[in-house]
Amino acid sequence: MARMVKGAKRYVLLRGKDESGDDIVIDIFSRKGLDAAIIEGRVDEKDQVVKIDVLGRVALKNPKKP
């Protein structure tokens, strides 16, 4: 599980199909992890990579009634 800290930047890899053509691949990287994945060839130019800026936590409680 990726640790999400307010102000951190994360990179989300989105791939429609894996190498065998079956599954959708979603992965979260830090900048260092993304650079390592690119060097190792695990991330291709056809892959979609989205940069995320973590804003903080959201309380998932019931909304207050007016």
C-alpha atoms as a PDB file:
ATOM      1  CA  MET A   1       0.000   0.000   0.000  1.00  0.00           C
ATOM      2  CA  ALA A   2       1.399   3.373  -1.011  1.00  0.00           C
ATOM      3  CA  ARG A   3       1.687   5.882   1.798  1.00  0.00           C
ATOM      4  CA  MET A   4      -0.124   9.081   0.965  1.00  0.00           C
ATOM      5  CA  VAL A   5       1.092  12.208   2.774  1.00  0.00           C
ATOM      6  CA  LYS A   6      -0.400  15.660   2.231  1.00  0.00           C
ATOM      7  CA  GLY A   7       1.642  17.529  -0.365  1.00  0.00           C
ATOM      8  CA  ALA A   8       3.180  14.360  -1.830  1.00  0.00           C
ATOM      9  CA  LYS A   9       3.203  13.785  -5.552  1.00  0.00           C
ATOM     10  CA  ARG A  10       2.346  10.330  -6.874  1.00  0.00           C
ATOM     11  CA  TYR A  11       2.224   8.930 -10.379  1.00  0.00           C
ATOM     12  CA  VAL A  12      -0.540   6.523 -11.393  1.00  0.00           C
ATOM     13  CA  LEU A  13       0.158   4.105 -14.249  1.00  0.00           C
ATOM     14  CA  LEU A  14      -2.907   3.093 -16.265  1.00  0.00           C
ATOM     15  CA  ARG A  15      -2.633   0.316 -18.840  1.00  0.00           C
ATOM     16  CA  GLY A  16      -5.604  -1.142 -20.699  1.00  0.00           C
ATOM     17  CA  LYS A  17      -4.232  -4.659 -21.109  1.00  0.00           C
ATOM     18  CA  ASP A  18      -1.289  -6.505 -19.620  1.00  0.00           C
ATOM     19  CA  GLU A  19       1.307  -8.455 -21.606  1.00  0.00           C
ATOM     20  CA  SER A  20      -1.076 -11.390 -22.145  1.00  0.00           C
ATOM     21  CA  GLY A  21      -3.948  -9.083 -23.165  1.00  0.00           C
ATOM     22  CA  ASP A  22      -6.261  -9.969 -20.279  1.00  0.00           C
ATOM     23  CA  ASP A  23      -6.147  -7.560 -17.328  1.00  0.00           C
ATOM     24  CA  ILE A  24      -6.176  -3.860 -16.631  1.00  0.00           C
ATOM     25  CA  VAL A  25      -3.060  -2.709 -14.758  1.00  0.00           C
ATOM     26  CA  ILE A  26      -3.140   0.189 -12.291  1.00  0.00           C
ATOM     27  CA  ASP A  27      -0.021   0.997 -10.259  1.00  0.00           C
ATOM     28  CA  ILE A  28       1.088   3.912  -8.045  1.00  0.00           C
ATOM     29  CA  PHE A  29       4.680   5.168  -8.040  1.00  0.00           C
ATOM     30  CA  SER A  30       6.742   7.818  -6.310  1.00  0.00           C
ATOM     31  CA  ARG A  31       9.046   9.804  -8.612  1.00  0.00           C
ATOM     32  CA  LYS A  32      12.012   7.541  -7.809  1.00  0.00           C
ATOM     33  CA  GLY A  33       9.906   4.426  -8.339  1.00  0.00           C
ATOM     34  CA  LEU A  34       8.628   5.724 -11.679  1.00  0.00           C
ATOM     35  CA  ASP A  35      12.162   6.530 -12.850  1.00  0.00           C
ATOM     36  CA  ALA A  36      13.305   3.027 -11.862  1.00  0.00           C
ATOM     37  CA  ALA A  37      10.329   1.446 -13.671  1.00  0.00           C
ATOM     38  CA  ILE A  38      11.130   3.407 -16.839  1.00  0.00           C
ATOM     39  CA  ILE A  39      14.795   2.349 -16.712  1.00  0.00           C
ATOM     40  CA  GLU A  40      13.808  -1.310 -16.148  1.00  0.00           C
ATOM     41  CA  GLY A  41      11.334  -1.155 -19.048  1.00  0.00           C
ATOM     42  CA  ARG A  42       8.224  -1.837 -16.947  1.00  0.00           C
ATOM     43  CA  VAL A  43       6.626   1.440 -18.164  1.00  0.00           C
ATOM     44  CA  ASP A  44       6.201   1.925 -21.911  1.00  0.00           C
ATOM     45  CA  GLU A  45       5.455   5.058 -23.946  1.00  0.00           C
ATOM     46  CA  LYS A  46       2.013   3.604 -24.765  1.00  0.00           C
ATOM     47  CA  ASP A  47       1.095   3.598 -21.056  1.00  0.00           C
ATOM     48  CA  GLN A  48      -0.883   6.444 -19.527  1.00  0.00           C
ATOM     49  CA  VAL A  49       0.803   8.027 -16.474  1.00  0.00           C
ATOM     50  CA  VAL A  50      -1.161  10.562 -14.414  1.00  0.00           C
ATOM     51  CA  LYS A  51       0.459  12.883 -11.853  1.00  0.00           C
ATOM     52  CA  ILE A  52      -1.485  13.212  -8.594  1.00  0.00           C
ATOM     53  CA  ASP A  53      -0.942  15.878  -5.922  1.00  0.00           C
ATOM     54  CA  VAL A  54      -2.179  14.592  -2.545  1.00  0.00           C
ATOM     55  CA  LEU A  55      -4.313  17.261  -0.854  1.00  0.00           C
ATOM     56  CA  GLY A  56      -5.073  15.402   2.368  1.00  0.00           C
ATOM     57  CA  ARG A  57      -7.560  13.014   3.888  1.00  0.00           C
ATOM     58  CA  VAL A  58     -11.315  13.110   3.485  1.00  0.00           C
ATOM     59  CA  ALA A  59     -13.619  12.114   6.320  1.00  0.00           C
ATOM     60  CA  LEU A  60     -16.007   9.487   4.965  1.00  0.00           C
ATOM     61  CA  LYS A  61     -18.729   9.998   7.556  1.00  0.00           C
ATOM     62  CA  ASN A  62     -22.423  10.551   7.075  1.00  0.00           C
ATOM     63  CA  PRO A  63     -23.170  14.127   5.984  1.00  0.00           C
ATOM     64  CA  LYS A  64     -24.747  16.415   8.573  1.00  0.00           C
ATOM     65  CA  LYS A  65     -28.439  17.107   8.086  1.00  0.00           C
ATOM     66  CA  PRO A  66     -29.521  20.756   8.031  1.00  0.00           C
END
